[in-house]
Amino acid sequence: MKDKIDKYEQRIEQLESELNGFRSAVAELKILNEIAVAAGKASDMDQTLNIIVQKIIKSVEAEQGLIYLVTPQKDIFNTFIKQDDTSRLKHSYHISNNITGWVLLNEKPLLIENLSNDKRFNSTEEEKRDIHSVLCSPVWFEGKIIGIILMINKKNRKSFSENELTLLSIIAVQAGQIIKNSQMQREAMIKMKE
């Protein structure tokens, strides 16, 4: 009888795990759809970037989000910063280049659970004091990094999770397509006016 109960409990745990996986997948699809629909209605690049950053901030409950777009000249970024209205951060941070540089060099997403304890990065004392957790992902388009999305601090003062890093990475892939589409539309409009 005990064996039957144990198997039953294991099956319940397995089903609960699968259900949580489905919920997570639905949430990911929902945020991707919201970004695509909202960005499709955007009238310019700034509005497109604003939508992407706002949706990610809401999804991962970040205090601040940034998108760095790589310009044609290497190592130069155009930056779009959005801060949540309830953010405790005093101002918008331009995270030191060693974090974005790490992502560009390694070509993979990055999760920093505690910036002040992470010896890989030479952060200022102010950054170490104010910035606790960071999510960062390259934005890809046709096999090239065209930008970086970065999220700073969870609102609840906890660290970001691996699941949130995975979600940011998925969003970053879609964001690459959305950003390139917006750039191509802008270029087409300029050519039409000539």
Protein backbone atom coordinates (compact mmCIF):
# COMPACT_ATOMS: atom_id res chain seq x y z
CA MET A 1 0.00 0.00 0.00
CA LYS A 2 2.86 2.39 0.86
CA ASP A 3 4.41 1.73 -2.57
CA LYS A 4 1.16 2.69 -4.26
CA ILE A 5 0.97 5.94 -2.28
CA ASP A 6 4.61 6.77 -3.08
CA LYS A 7 4.03 6.19 -6.80
CA TYR A 8 0.88 8.27 -6.67
CA GLU A 9 2.74 11.14 -4.92
CA GLN A 10 5.58 10.92 -7.44
CA ARG A 11 3.11 11.08 -10.31
CA ILE A 12 1.43 14.14 -8.75
CA GLU A 13 4.84 15.85 -8.42
CA GLN A 14 5.64 15.01 -12.04
CA LEU A 15 2.31 16.40 -13.26
CA GLU A 16 2.76 19.57 -11.17
CA SER A 17 6.23 20.03 -12.68
CA GLU A 18 4.86 19.59 -16.20
CA LEU A 19 2.03 22.02 -15.45
CA ASN A 20 4.52 24.63 -14.22
CA GLY A 21 6.53 24.11 -17.41
CA PHE A 22 3.41 24.70 -19.52
CA ARG A 23 2.56 27.83 -17.52
CA SER A 24 6.07 29.14 -18.06
CA ALA A 25 5.88 28.45 -21.80
CA VAL A 26 2.51 30.21 -22.04
CA ALA A 27 3.90 33.23 -20.17
CA GLU A 28 6.90 33.36 -22.54
CA LEU A 29 4.65 33.19 -25.60
CA LYS A 30 2.39 35.87 -24.15
CA ILE A 31 5.23 38.36 -23.60
CA LEU A 32 6.69 37.62 -27.05
CA ASN A 33 3.29 38.21 -28.64
CA GLU A 34 2.75 41.43 -26.66
CA ILE A 35 6.13 42.76 -27.79
CA ALA A 36 5.52 41.86 -31.43
CA VAL A 37 2.03 43.38 -31.53
CA ALA A 38 3.01 46.57 -29.70
CA ALA A 39 6.23 47.04 -31.69
CA GLY A 40 4.29 46.52 -34.93
CA LYS A 41 2.23 49.59 -34.04
CA ALA A 42 5.27 51.72 -33.16
CA SER A 43 5.90 54.70 -35.39
CA ASP A 44 9.66 55.03 -34.93
CA MET A 45 12.75 53.32 -33.53
CA ASP A 46 12.64 55.06 -30.14
CA GLN A 47 9.06 53.96 -29.63
CA THR A 48 9.96 50.41 -30.68
CA LEU A 49 12.86 50.28 -28.21
CA ASN A 50 10.70 51.81 -25.49
CA ILE A 51 8.05 49.10 -25.97
CA ILE A 52 10.61 46.29 -25.87
CA VAL A 53 12.26 47.62 -22.70
CA GLN A 54 8.93 48.33 -20.96
CA LYS A 55 7.61 44.84 -21.66
CA ILE A 56 10.80 43.19 -20.40
CA ILE A 57 10.89 45.37 -17.26
CA LYS A 58 7.33 44.32 -16.50
CA SER A 59 7.98 40.66 -17.26
CA VAL A 60 11.09 40.24 -15.09
CA GLU A 61 10.07 42.91 -12.55
CA ALA A 62 13.23 44.97 -13.06
CA GLU A 63 13.87 48.47 -11.79
CA GLN A 64 15.67 49.62 -14.92
CA GLY A 65 16.20 48.35 -18.43
CA LEU A 66 18.51 49.35 -21.23
CA ILE A 67 19.08 48.49 -24.85
CA TYR A 68 22.47 49.19 -26.35
CA LEU A 69 22.44 49.11 -30.15
CA VAL A 70 25.72 48.46 -31.90
CA THR A 71 26.38 51.14 -34.50
CA PRO A 72 28.28 50.53 -37.73
CA GLN A 73 31.48 51.74 -36.04
CA LYS A 74 32.63 48.91 -33.80
CA ASP A 75 32.50 49.35 -30.05
CA ILE A 76 30.14 52.33 -30.24
CA PHE A 77 26.65 52.01 -28.84
CA ASN A 78 23.45 53.97 -29.21
CA THR A 79 21.69 53.61 -25.89
CA PHE A 80 18.02 53.59 -24.98
CA ILE A 81 17.30 53.65 -21.25
CA LYS A 82 13.97 53.16 -19.49
CA GLN A 83 13.55 53.32 -15.75
CA ASP A 84 10.53 51.94 -13.96
CA ASP A 85 8.55 54.65 -12.17
CA THR A 86 8.99 52.90 -8.83
CA SER A 87 12.75 52.40 -9.19
CA ARG A 88 14.88 53.18 -6.17
CA LEU A 89 17.85 53.92 -8.42
CA LYS A 90 18.87 57.55 -8.23
CA HIS A 91 19.57 57.90 -11.91
CA SER A 92 19.98 55.88 -15.06
CA TYR A 93 23.19 53.91 -15.01
CA HIS A 94 25.33 53.36 -18.04
CA ILE A 95 26.72 50.07 -16.80
CA SER A 96 30.48 49.94 -17.20
CA ASN A 97 31.71 48.65 -20.52
CA ASN A 98 33.27 45.57 -18.96
CA ILE A 99 29.82 43.93 -18.53
CA THR A 100 28.65 44.69 -22.06
CA GLY A 101 32.14 43.87 -23.29
CA TRP A 102 31.94 40.47 -21.59
CA VAL A 103 28.64 39.73 -23.36
CA LEU A 104 30.06 40.85 -26.73
CA LEU A 105 33.26 38.84 -26.25
CA ASN A 106 31.56 35.66 -25.02
CA GLU A 107 28.49 36.04 -27.26
CA LYS A 108 26.17 34.68 -24.60
CA PRO A 109 23.74 35.90 -21.95
CA LEU A 110 24.94 36.85 -18.49
CA LEU A 111 23.36 36.67 -15.04
CA ILE A 112 25.02 38.55 -12.20
CA GLU A 113 23.37 37.66 -8.92
CA ASN A 114 25.38 40.12 -6.82
CA LEU A 115 27.50 42.75 -8.55
CA SER A 116 29.46 43.68 -5.43
CA ASN A 117 30.66 40.07 -5.03
CA ASP A 118 31.39 39.42 -8.72
CA LYS A 119 35.16 39.74 -9.23
CA ARG A 120 34.90 39.55 -13.03
CA PHE A 121 33.82 43.17 -13.27
CA ASN A 122 35.53 46.35 -12.15
CA SER A 123 32.48 48.28 -10.99
CA THR A 124 32.44 51.62 -9.23
CA GLU A 125 31.58 51.82 -5.54
CA GLU A 126 28.29 53.53 -6.43
CA GLU A 127 27.38 50.70 -8.84
CA LYS A 128 28.29 48.08 -6.23
CA ARG A 129 26.09 49.84 -3.68
CA ASP A 130 23.08 50.48 -5.92
CA ILE A 131 23.12 47.58 -8.36
CA HIS A 132 22.46 44.15 -6.94
CA SER A 133 21.45 41.87 -9.78
CA VAL A 134 21.87 42.13 -13.55
CA LEU A 135 20.48 40.27 -16.56
CA CYS A 136 22.19 40.83 -19.88
CA SER A 137 21.67 39.22 -23.29
CA PRO A 138 23.01 39.85 -26.78
CA VAL A 139 20.46 40.85 -29.40
CA TRP A 140 20.99 38.76 -32.52
CA PHE A 141 20.06 39.31 -36.16
CA GLU A 142 21.20 36.97 -38.92
CA GLY A 143 24.05 35.59 -36.83
CA LYS A 144 25.42 38.96 -35.71
CA ILE A 145 25.07 40.81 -32.44
CA ILE A 146 23.28 44.08 -33.16
CA GLY A 147 22.80 45.11 -29.55
CA ILE A 148 22.55 44.16 -25.91
CA ILE A 149 19.54 44.14 -23.59
CA LEU A 150 20.32 44.72 -19.94
CA MET A 151 18.02 44.62 -16.92
CA ILE A 152 19.07 46.00 -13.53
CA ASN A 153 17.76 45.01 -10.07
CA LYS A 154 14.55 43.18 -9.32
CA LYS A 155 12.00 45.36 -7.59
CA ASN A 156 11.76 42.96 -4.66
CA ARG A 157 15.57 43.20 -4.08
CA LYS A 158 16.05 39.51 -4.87
CA SER A 159 18.37 38.26 -7.59
CA PHE A 160 17.24 37.50 -11.11
CA SER A 161 16.87 33.80 -11.89
CA GLU A 162 18.12 31.46 -14.61
CA ASN A 163 14.52 31.24 -15.89
CA GLU A 164 14.45 35.04 -16.31
CA LEU A 165 17.79 34.90 -18.12
CA THR A 166 16.34 32.29 -20.49
CA LEU A 167 13.27 34.47 -21.07
CA LEU A 168 15.46 37.53 -21.75
CA SER A 169 17.51 35.50 -24.24
CA ILE A 170 14.35 34.41 -26.07
CA ILE A 171 13.03 37.98 -26.14
CA ALA A 172 16.41 39.24 -27.38
CA VAL A 173 16.19 37.03 -30.46
CA GLN A 174 12.75 38.41 -31.33
CA ALA A 175 13.90 41.93 -30.49
CA GLY A 176 16.66 41.61 -33.08
CA GLN A 177 14.11 40.97 -35.80
CA ILE A 178 11.82 43.77 -34.57
CA ILE A 179 14.69 46.28 -34.37
CA LYS A 180 15.95 45.41 -37.86
CA ASN A 181 12.42 45.66 -39.29
CA SER A 182 12.03 49.10 -37.71
CA GLN A 183 15.40 50.22 -39.11
CA MET A 184 14.50 48.98 -42.60
CA GLN A 185 11.14 50.78 -42.48
CA ARG A 186 12.90 54.00 -41.48
CA GLU A 187 15.40 53.64 -44.31
CA ALA A 188 12.59 52.98 -46.80
CA MET A 189 10.73 56.09 -45.61
CA ILE A 190 13.88 58.20 -46.06
CA LYS A 191 14.35 56.86 -49.60
CA MET A 192 10.73 57.58 -50.45
CA LYS A 193 11.16 61.21 -49.37
CA GLU A 194 14.24 61.69 -51.57
